[in-house]
């Protein structure tokens, strides 16, 4: 009898990720979505795309047995009506299909205890789903000198870079410690890339701040 090693027994976890926008799905635009696919693959996961055009029943059926979820970024903005706010003049159009899909994924993930990595738009969607609110335009509402978006830059320009402070005690802090970053006053100071014009304002229920950017 031949024994298999533990790695040969292990099956890659299935990780669902919705399309970034209805427009990109309809036109097969994958250049930005591919970053997420590659990241999940490099982490030994099995990326599984999720259509934004599914009915409620089909959506529920496709996400019920997954191991994990990634909510990617995207150019749309969450509808301000979902967090009881009037629309700011700088707010981008919403993508109702993306909102519906994100909220269904989050509901399933919370009910089943499955992990979710929410990035950029996905993080804002998560916060709103849990009753939080957003700054609809960082530049005009927070008046910070830090550049958070690529507005006005060439399409092929690199993302702006700014400092951030990782708070102690969370998963990101654990990863920072494992990567060898120096700890200072209990947290970690890092430089991060950024490409967004909205951010979390009031935290949703059960969430805590894991990292912050300076306001000046």
C-alpha atoms as a PDB file:
ATOM      1  CA  UNK A   1       0.000   0.000   0.000  1.00  0.00           C
ATOM      2  CA  UNK A   2       1.312   3.466  -0.925  1.00  0.00           C
ATOM      3  CA  UNK A   3       0.862   6.216   1.644  1.00  0.00           C
ATOM      4  CA  UNK A   4       0.072   9.729   0.474  1.00  0.00           C
ATOM      5  CA  UNK A   5       1.719  12.723   2.075  1.00  0.00           C
ATOM      6  CA  UNK A   6      -0.478  15.252   3.933  1.00  0.00           C
ATOM      7  CA  UNK A   7      -0.098  17.724   1.060  1.00  0.00           C
ATOM      8  CA  UNK A   8      -1.447  15.166  -1.385  1.00  0.00           C
ATOM      9  CA  UNK A   9      -4.573  14.756   0.747  1.00  0.00           C
ATOM     10  CA  UNK A  10      -5.181  18.475   0.984  1.00  0.00           C
ATOM     11  CA  UNK A  11      -7.677  20.055  -1.404  1.00  0.00           C
ATOM     12  CA  UNK A  12      -7.353  23.707  -2.298  1.00  0.00           C
ATOM     13  CA  UNK A  13     -10.036  25.802  -0.593  1.00  0.00           C
ATOM     14  CA  UNK A  14     -12.638  27.212  -2.982  1.00  0.00           C
ATOM     15  CA  UNK A  15     -12.822  30.996  -2.831  1.00  0.00           C
ATOM     16  CA  UNK A  16     -15.682  32.842  -4.532  1.00  0.00           C
ATOM     17  CA  UNK A  17     -15.136  36.353  -5.820  1.00  0.00           C
ATOM     18  CA  UNK A  18     -17.811  38.408  -7.592  1.00  0.00           C
ATOM     19  CA  UNK A  19     -17.081  40.332 -10.733  1.00  0.00           C
ATOM     20  CA  UNK A  20     -16.020  43.892  -9.915  1.00  0.00           C
ATOM     21  CA  UNK A  21     -18.853  45.530 -11.879  1.00  0.00           C
ATOM     22  CA  UNK A  22     -21.788  44.616 -14.092  1.00  0.00           C
ATOM     23  CA  UNK A  23     -20.116  46.506 -16.942  1.00  0.00           C
ATOM     24  CA  UNK A  24     -16.874  44.529 -16.693  1.00  0.00           C
ATOM     25  CA  UNK A  25     -18.769  41.242 -16.581  1.00  0.00           C
ATOM     26  CA  UNK A  26     -20.912  42.143 -19.599  1.00  0.00           C
ATOM     27  CA  UNK A  27     -17.847  43.095 -21.653  1.00  0.00           C
ATOM     28  CA  UNK A  28     -15.453  40.437 -20.355  1.00  0.00           C
ATOM     29  CA  UNK A  29     -13.029  43.007 -18.898  1.00  0.00           C
ATOM     30  CA  UNK A  30     -10.712  41.101 -16.555  1.00  0.00           C
ATOM     31  CA  UNK A  31      -7.471  43.091 -16.303  1.00  0.00           C
ATOM     32  CA  UNK A  32      -8.162  44.353 -12.753  1.00  0.00           C
ATOM     33  CA  UNK A  33     -10.055  41.244 -11.620  1.00  0.00           C
ATOM     34  CA  UNK A  34      -7.046  39.133 -12.605  1.00  0.00           C
ATOM     35  CA  UNK A  35      -5.033  40.628  -9.725  1.00  0.00           C
ATOM     36  CA  UNK A  36      -7.438  38.985  -7.264  1.00  0.00           C
ATOM     37  CA  UNK A  37      -7.456  35.695  -9.157  1.00  0.00           C
ATOM     38  CA  UNK A  38      -3.648  35.597  -9.128  1.00  0.00           C
ATOM     39  CA  UNK A  39      -3.503  36.451  -5.410  1.00  0.00           C
ATOM     40  CA  UNK A  40      -5.922  33.668  -4.449  1.00  0.00           C
ATOM     41  CA  UNK A  41      -4.038  31.204  -6.652  1.00  0.00           C
ATOM     42  CA  UNK A  42      -0.668  32.167  -5.153  1.00  0.00           C
ATOM     43  CA  UNK A  43      -2.158  31.528  -1.694  1.00  0.00           C
ATOM     44  CA  UNK A  44      -3.031  27.984  -2.870  1.00  0.00           C
ATOM     45  CA  UNK A  45      -6.741  28.705  -3.128  1.00  0.00           C
ATOM     46  CA  UNK A  46      -9.080  27.926  -5.996  1.00  0.00           C
ATOM     47  CA  UNK A  47     -10.581  31.204  -7.293  1.00  0.00           C
ATOM     48  CA  UNK A  48     -14.165  30.818  -8.496  1.00  0.00           C
ATOM     49  CA  UNK A  49     -15.809  33.803 -10.237  1.00  0.00           C
ATOM     50  CA  UNK A  50     -19.363  34.704  -9.324  1.00  0.00           C
ATOM     51  CA  UNK A  51     -21.739  36.368 -11.791  1.00  0.00           C
ATOM     52  CA  UNK A  52     -23.551  39.535 -10.753  1.00  0.00           C
ATOM     53  CA  UNK A  53     -26.534  38.542 -12.900  1.00  0.00           C
ATOM     54  CA  UNK A  54     -27.795  35.580 -10.863  1.00  0.00           C
ATOM     55  CA  UNK A  55     -31.263  35.334  -9.372  1.00  0.00           C
ATOM     56  CA  UNK A  56     -31.513  35.199  -5.608  1.00  0.00           C
ATOM     57  CA  UNK A  57     -32.029  31.427  -5.598  1.00  0.00           C
ATOM     58  CA  UNK A  58     -29.161  30.741  -8.016  1.00  0.00           C
ATOM     59  CA  UNK A  59     -26.859  33.038  -6.076  1.00  0.00           C
ATOM     60  CA  UNK A  60     -27.668  31.266  -2.811  1.00  0.00           C
ATOM     61  CA  UNK A  61     -27.053  27.878  -4.412  1.00  0.00           C
ATOM     62  CA  UNK A  62     -23.656  28.864  -5.777  1.00  0.00           C
ATOM     63  CA  UNK A  63     -22.271  30.261  -2.526  1.00  0.00           C
ATOM     64  CA  UNK A  64     -23.634  27.763   0.002  1.00  0.00           C
ATOM     65  CA  UNK A  65     -20.701  25.317  -0.041  1.00  0.00           C
ATOM     66  CA  UNK A  66     -17.724  27.623  -0.554  1.00  0.00           C
ATOM     67  CA  UNK A  67     -14.768  27.823   1.835  1.00  0.00           C
ATOM     68  CA  UNK A  68     -14.046  31.560   1.675  1.00  0.00           C
ATOM     69  CA  UNK A  69     -14.929  34.787  -0.126  1.00  0.00           C
ATOM     70  CA  UNK A  70     -13.082  37.792  -1.540  1.00  0.00           C
ATOM     71  CA  UNK A  71     -14.950  41.046  -2.166  1.00  0.00           C
ATOM     72  CA  UNK A  72     -12.819  42.998  -4.651  1.00  0.00           C
ATOM     73  CA  UNK A  73     -12.495  46.704  -5.288  1.00  0.00           C
ATOM     74  CA  UNK A  74     -14.289  48.470  -8.102  1.00  0.00           C
ATOM     75  CA  UNK A  75     -15.043  51.890  -9.591  1.00  0.00           C
ATOM     76  CA  UNK A  76     -18.681  52.053  -8.447  1.00  0.00           C
ATOM     77  CA  UNK A  77     -19.768  53.580  -5.132  1.00  0.00           C
ATOM     78  CA  UNK A  78     -22.206  52.040  -2.665  1.00  0.00           C
ATOM     79  CA  UNK A  79     -25.622  53.701  -2.950  1.00  0.00           C
ATOM     80  CA  UNK A  80     -25.744  56.355  -0.163  1.00  0.00           C
ATOM     81  CA  UNK A  81     -29.418  55.539   0.419  1.00  0.00           C
ATOM     82  CA  UNK A  82     -28.262  52.224   1.893  1.00  0.00           C
ATOM     83  CA  UNK A  83     -26.668  54.127   4.771  1.00  0.00           C
ATOM     84  CA  UNK A  84     -29.328  56.814   5.003  1.00  0.00           C
ATOM     85  CA  UNK A  85     -27.344  59.621   3.395  1.00  0.00           C
ATOM     86  CA  UNK A  86     -27.991  62.085   0.594  1.00  0.00           C
ATOM     87  CA  UNK A  87     -25.841  61.636  -2.489  1.00  0.00           C
ATOM     88  CA  UNK A  88     -22.711  63.789  -2.590  1.00  0.00           C
ATOM     89  CA  UNK A  89     -21.925  65.513  -5.884  1.00  0.00           C
ATOM     90  CA  UNK A  90     -18.674  63.518  -6.175  1.00  0.00           C
ATOM     91  CA  UNK A  91     -20.296  60.126  -5.564  1.00  0.00           C
ATOM     92  CA  UNK A  92     -20.043  57.670  -8.460  1.00  0.00           C
ATOM     93  CA  UNK A  93     -23.012  55.712  -9.786  1.00  0.00           C
ATOM     94  CA  UNK A  94     -23.947  52.603  -7.826  1.00  0.00           C
ATOM     95  CA  UNK A  95     -23.993  49.054  -9.214  1.00  0.00           C
ATOM     96  CA  UNK A  96     -27.153  47.444  -7.763  1.00  0.00           C
ATOM     97  CA  UNK A  97     -26.173  43.959  -8.937  1.00  0.00           C
ATOM     98  CA  UNK A  98     -22.816  44.206  -7.184  1.00  0.00           C
ATOM     99  CA  UNK A  99     -24.500  45.457  -3.994  1.00  0.00           C
ATOM    100  CA  UNK A 100     -27.016  42.605  -4.076  1.00  0.00           C
ATOM    101  CA  UNK A 101     -24.267  40.040  -4.637  1.00  0.00           C
ATOM    102  CA  UNK A 102     -21.966  41.398  -1.926  1.00  0.00           C
ATOM    103  CA  UNK A 103     -24.750  41.505   0.647  1.00  0.00           C
ATOM    104  CA  UNK A 104     -25.822  37.930  -0.161  1.00  0.00           C
ATOM    105  CA  UNK A 105     -22.220  36.731   0.173  1.00  0.00           C
ATOM    106  CA  UNK A 106     -21.817  38.502   3.501  1.00  0.00           C
ATOM    107  CA  UNK A 107     -25.076  37.129   4.855  1.00  0.00           C
ATOM    108  CA  UNK A 108     -23.981  33.603   3.924  1.00  0.00           C
ATOM    109  CA  UNK A 109     -20.470  34.084   5.297  1.00  0.00           C
ATOM    110  CA  UNK A 110     -21.746  35.359   8.645  1.00  0.00           C
ATOM    111  CA  UNK A 111     -24.274  32.531   8.948  1.00  0.00           C
ATOM    112  CA  UNK A 112     -21.723  29.831   8.128  1.00  0.00           C
ATOM    113  CA  UNK A 113     -18.660  31.316   9.820  1.00  0.00           C
ATOM    114  CA  UNK A 114     -16.707  31.462   6.550  1.00  0.00           C
ATOM    115  CA  UNK A 115     -13.857  33.999   6.172  1.00  0.00           C
ATOM    116  CA  UNK A 116     -14.229  37.111   4.012  1.00  0.00           C
ATOM    117  CA  UNK A 117     -11.445  39.347   2.694  1.00  0.00           C
ATOM    118  CA  UNK A 118     -13.046  42.665   1.725  1.00  0.00           C
ATOM    119  CA  UNK A 119     -10.846  45.055  -0.256  1.00  0.00           C
ATOM    120  CA  UNK A 120     -11.481  48.718  -1.173  1.00  0.00           C
ATOM    121  CA  UNK A 121     -15.092  48.831  -2.461  1.00  0.00           C
ATOM    122  CA  UNK A 122     -15.579  45.445  -0.812  1.00  0.00           C
ATOM    123  CA  UNK A 123     -14.556  46.894   2.563  1.00  0.00           C
ATOM    124  CA  UNK A 124     -16.994  49.797   2.126  1.00  0.00           C
ATOM    125  CA  UNK A 125     -19.730  47.348   1.121  1.00  0.00           C
ATOM    126  CA  UNK A 126     -19.017  45.251   4.225  1.00  0.00           C
ATOM    127  CA  UNK A 127     -19.237  48.310   6.469  1.00  0.00           C
ATOM    128  CA  UNK A 128     -22.548  49.445   4.983  1.00  0.00           C
ATOM    129  CA  UNK A 129     -23.984  45.924   5.151  1.00  0.00           C
ATOM    130  CA  UNK A 130     -23.332  45.985   8.910  1.00  0.00           C
ATOM    131  CA  UNK A 131     -24.991  49.370   9.418  1.00  0.00           C
ATOM    132  CA  UNK A 132     -21.972  51.635   8.987  1.00  0.00           C
ATOM    133  CA  UNK A 133     -21.616  54.795   6.922  1.00  0.00           C
ATOM    134  CA  UNK A 134     -19.076  56.223   4.475  1.00  0.00           C
ATOM    135  CA  UNK A 135     -17.296  59.436   3.659  1.00  0.00           C
ATOM    136  CA  UNK A 136     -18.500  59.879   0.091  1.00  0.00           C
ATOM    137  CA  UNK A 137     -15.504  61.942  -1.020  1.00  0.00           C
ATOM    138  CA  UNK A 138     -12.350  62.049   1.091  1.00  0.00           C
ATOM    139  CA  UNK A 139     -10.847  65.135  -0.546  1.00  0.00           C
ATOM    140  CA  UNK A 140     -13.868  67.395  -0.050  1.00  0.00           C
ATOM    141  CA  UNK A 141     -15.154  65.987   3.259  1.00  0.00           C
ATOM    142  CA  UNK A 142     -11.931  65.351   5.199  1.00  0.00           C
ATOM    143  CA  UNK A 143      -9.754  68.061   3.591  1.00  0.00           C
ATOM    144  CA  UNK A 144      -6.639  65.949   3.995  1.00  0.00           C
ATOM    145  CA  UNK A 145      -3.391  66.721   2.216  1.00  0.00           C
ATOM    146  CA  UNK A 146      -2.796  63.022   1.586  1.00  0.00           C
ATOM    147  CA  UNK A 147      -3.588  61.900  -1.961  1.00  0.00           C
ATOM    148  CA  UNK A 148      -5.835  58.829  -1.857  1.00  0.00           C
ATOM    149  CA  UNK A 149      -7.043  58.584  -5.457  1.00  0.00           C
ATOM    150  CA  UNK A 150      -5.610  58.589  -8.975  1.00  0.00           C
ATOM    151  CA  UNK A 151      -7.965  61.342 -10.094  1.00  0.00           C
ATOM    152  CA  UNK A 152      -6.150  63.619 -12.533  1.00  0.00           C
ATOM    153  CA  UNK A 153      -3.301  61.153 -13.070  1.00  0.00           C
ATOM    154  CA  UNK A 154      -2.590  59.306 -16.356  1.00  0.00           C
ATOM    155  CA  UNK A 155      -4.434  55.967 -16.666  1.00  0.00           C
ATOM    156  CA  UNK A 156      -1.163  54.034 -16.505  1.00  0.00           C
ATOM    157  CA  UNK A 157       0.188  55.950 -13.500  1.00  0.00           C
ATOM    158  CA  UNK A 158       1.138  54.016 -10.382  1.00  0.00           C
ATOM    159  CA  UNK A 159      -1.118  54.210  -7.339  1.00  0.00           C
ATOM    160  CA  UNK A 160      -0.291  56.985  -4.857  1.00  0.00           C
ATOM    161  CA  UNK A 161       1.601  55.885  -1.737  1.00  0.00           C
ATOM    162  CA  UNK A 162       0.952  57.132   1.802  1.00  0.00           C
ATOM    163  CA  UNK A 163       1.747  56.104   5.381  1.00  0.00           C
ATOM    164  CA  UNK A 164      -0.620  54.035   7.512  1.00  0.00           C
ATOM    165  CA  UNK A 165      -0.617  52.816  11.080  1.00  0.00           C
ATOM    166  CA  UNK A 166      -1.544  49.178  11.797  1.00  0.00           C
ATOM    167  CA  UNK A 167      -3.206  48.894  15.203  1.00  0.00           C
ATOM    168  CA  UNK A 168      -2.155  46.075  17.545  1.00  0.00           C
ATOM    169  CA  UNK A 169      -4.245  43.008  18.225  1.00  0.00           C
ATOM    170  CA  UNK A 170      -5.782  42.246  14.844  1.00  0.00           C
ATOM    171  CA  UNK A 171      -5.030  39.831  12.033  1.00  0.00           C
ATOM    172  CA  UNK A 172      -3.178  42.486  10.003  1.00  0.00           C
ATOM    173  CA  UNK A 173      -0.940  43.192  13.009  1.00  0.00           C
ATOM    174  CA  UNK A 174      -0.216  39.482  13.303  1.00  0.00           C
ATOM    175  CA  UNK A 175       0.796  39.362   9.629  1.00  0.00           C
ATOM    176  CA  UNK A 176       2.933  42.477  10.076  1.00  0.00           C
ATOM    177  CA  UNK A 177       4.750  40.844  12.989  1.00  0.00           C
ATOM    178  CA  UNK A 178       5.299  37.614  11.052  1.00  0.00           C
ATOM    179  CA  UNK A 179       6.738  39.579   8.117  1.00  0.00           C
ATOM    180  CA  UNK A 180       9.358  41.139  10.369  1.00  0.00           C
ATOM    181  CA  UNK A 181       8.071  44.714  10.498  1.00  0.00           C
ATOM    182  CA  UNK A 182       9.380  46.714  13.438  1.00  0.00           C
ATOM    183  CA  UNK A 183       6.829  47.403  16.169  1.00  0.00           C
ATOM    184  CA  UNK A 184       6.583  50.933  17.581  1.00  0.00           C
ATOM    185  CA  UNK A 185       4.305  52.037  20.421  1.00  0.00           C
ATOM    186  CA  UNK A 186       2.366  48.805  20.086  1.00  0.00           C
ATOM    187  CA  UNK A 187       1.609  49.138  16.359  1.00  0.00           C
ATOM    188  CA  UNK A 188       3.291  49.061  12.968  1.00  0.00           C
ATOM    189  CA  UNK A 189       4.053  51.982  10.640  1.00  0.00           C
ATOM    190  CA  UNK A 190       3.859  51.085   6.940  1.00  0.00           C
ATOM    191  CA  UNK A 191       3.634  52.627   3.488  1.00  0.00           C
ATOM    192  CA  UNK A 192       0.649  51.511   1.400  1.00  0.00           C
ATOM    193  CA  UNK A 193      -0.648  52.027  -2.118  1.00  0.00           C
ATOM    194  CA  UNK A 194      -4.035  53.699  -2.412  1.00  0.00           C
ATOM    195  CA  UNK A 195      -6.648  54.260  -5.113  1.00  0.00           C
ATOM    196  CA  UNK A 196     -10.039  55.239  -3.686  1.00  0.00           C
ATOM    197  CA  UNK A 197     -12.044  58.400  -3.017  1.00  0.00           C
ATOM    198  CA  UNK A 198     -14.340  57.072  -0.287  1.00  0.00           C
ATOM    199  CA  UNK A 199     -13.648  55.598   3.149  1.00  0.00           C
ATOM    200  CA  UNK A 200     -15.318  54.261   6.274  1.00  0.00           C
ATOM    201  CA  UNK A 201     -16.958  56.911   8.451  1.00  0.00           C
ATOM    202  CA  UNK A 202     -19.022  55.208  11.187  1.00  0.00           C
ATOM    203  CA  UNK A 203     -18.099  51.591  11.829  1.00  0.00           C
ATOM    204  CA  UNK A 204     -20.661  48.873  11.194  1.00  0.00           C
ATOM    205  CA  UNK A 205     -21.820  46.596  13.998  1.00  0.00           C
ATOM    206  CA  UNK A 206     -19.118  44.239  15.276  1.00  0.00           C
ATOM    207  CA  UNK A 207     -16.280  45.831  13.293  1.00  0.00           C
ATOM    208  CA  UNK A 208     -13.114  47.401  14.676  1.00  0.00           C
ATOM    209  CA  UNK A 209     -10.428  49.564  13.118  1.00  0.00           C
ATOM    210  CA  UNK A 210      -7.352  47.540  12.106  1.00  0.00           C
ATOM    211  CA  UNK A 211      -5.357  50.338  10.460  1.00  0.00           C
ATOM    212  CA  UNK A 212      -5.646  54.082   9.839  1.00  0.00           C
ATOM    213  CA  UNK A 213      -4.086  56.689   7.574  1.00  0.00           C
ATOM    214  CA  UNK A 214      -3.013  60.111   8.857  1.00  0.00           C
ATOM    215  CA  UNK A 215      -5.576  62.886   8.380  1.00  0.00           C
ATOM    216  CA  UNK A 216      -3.007  65.573   7.503  1.00  0.00           C
END
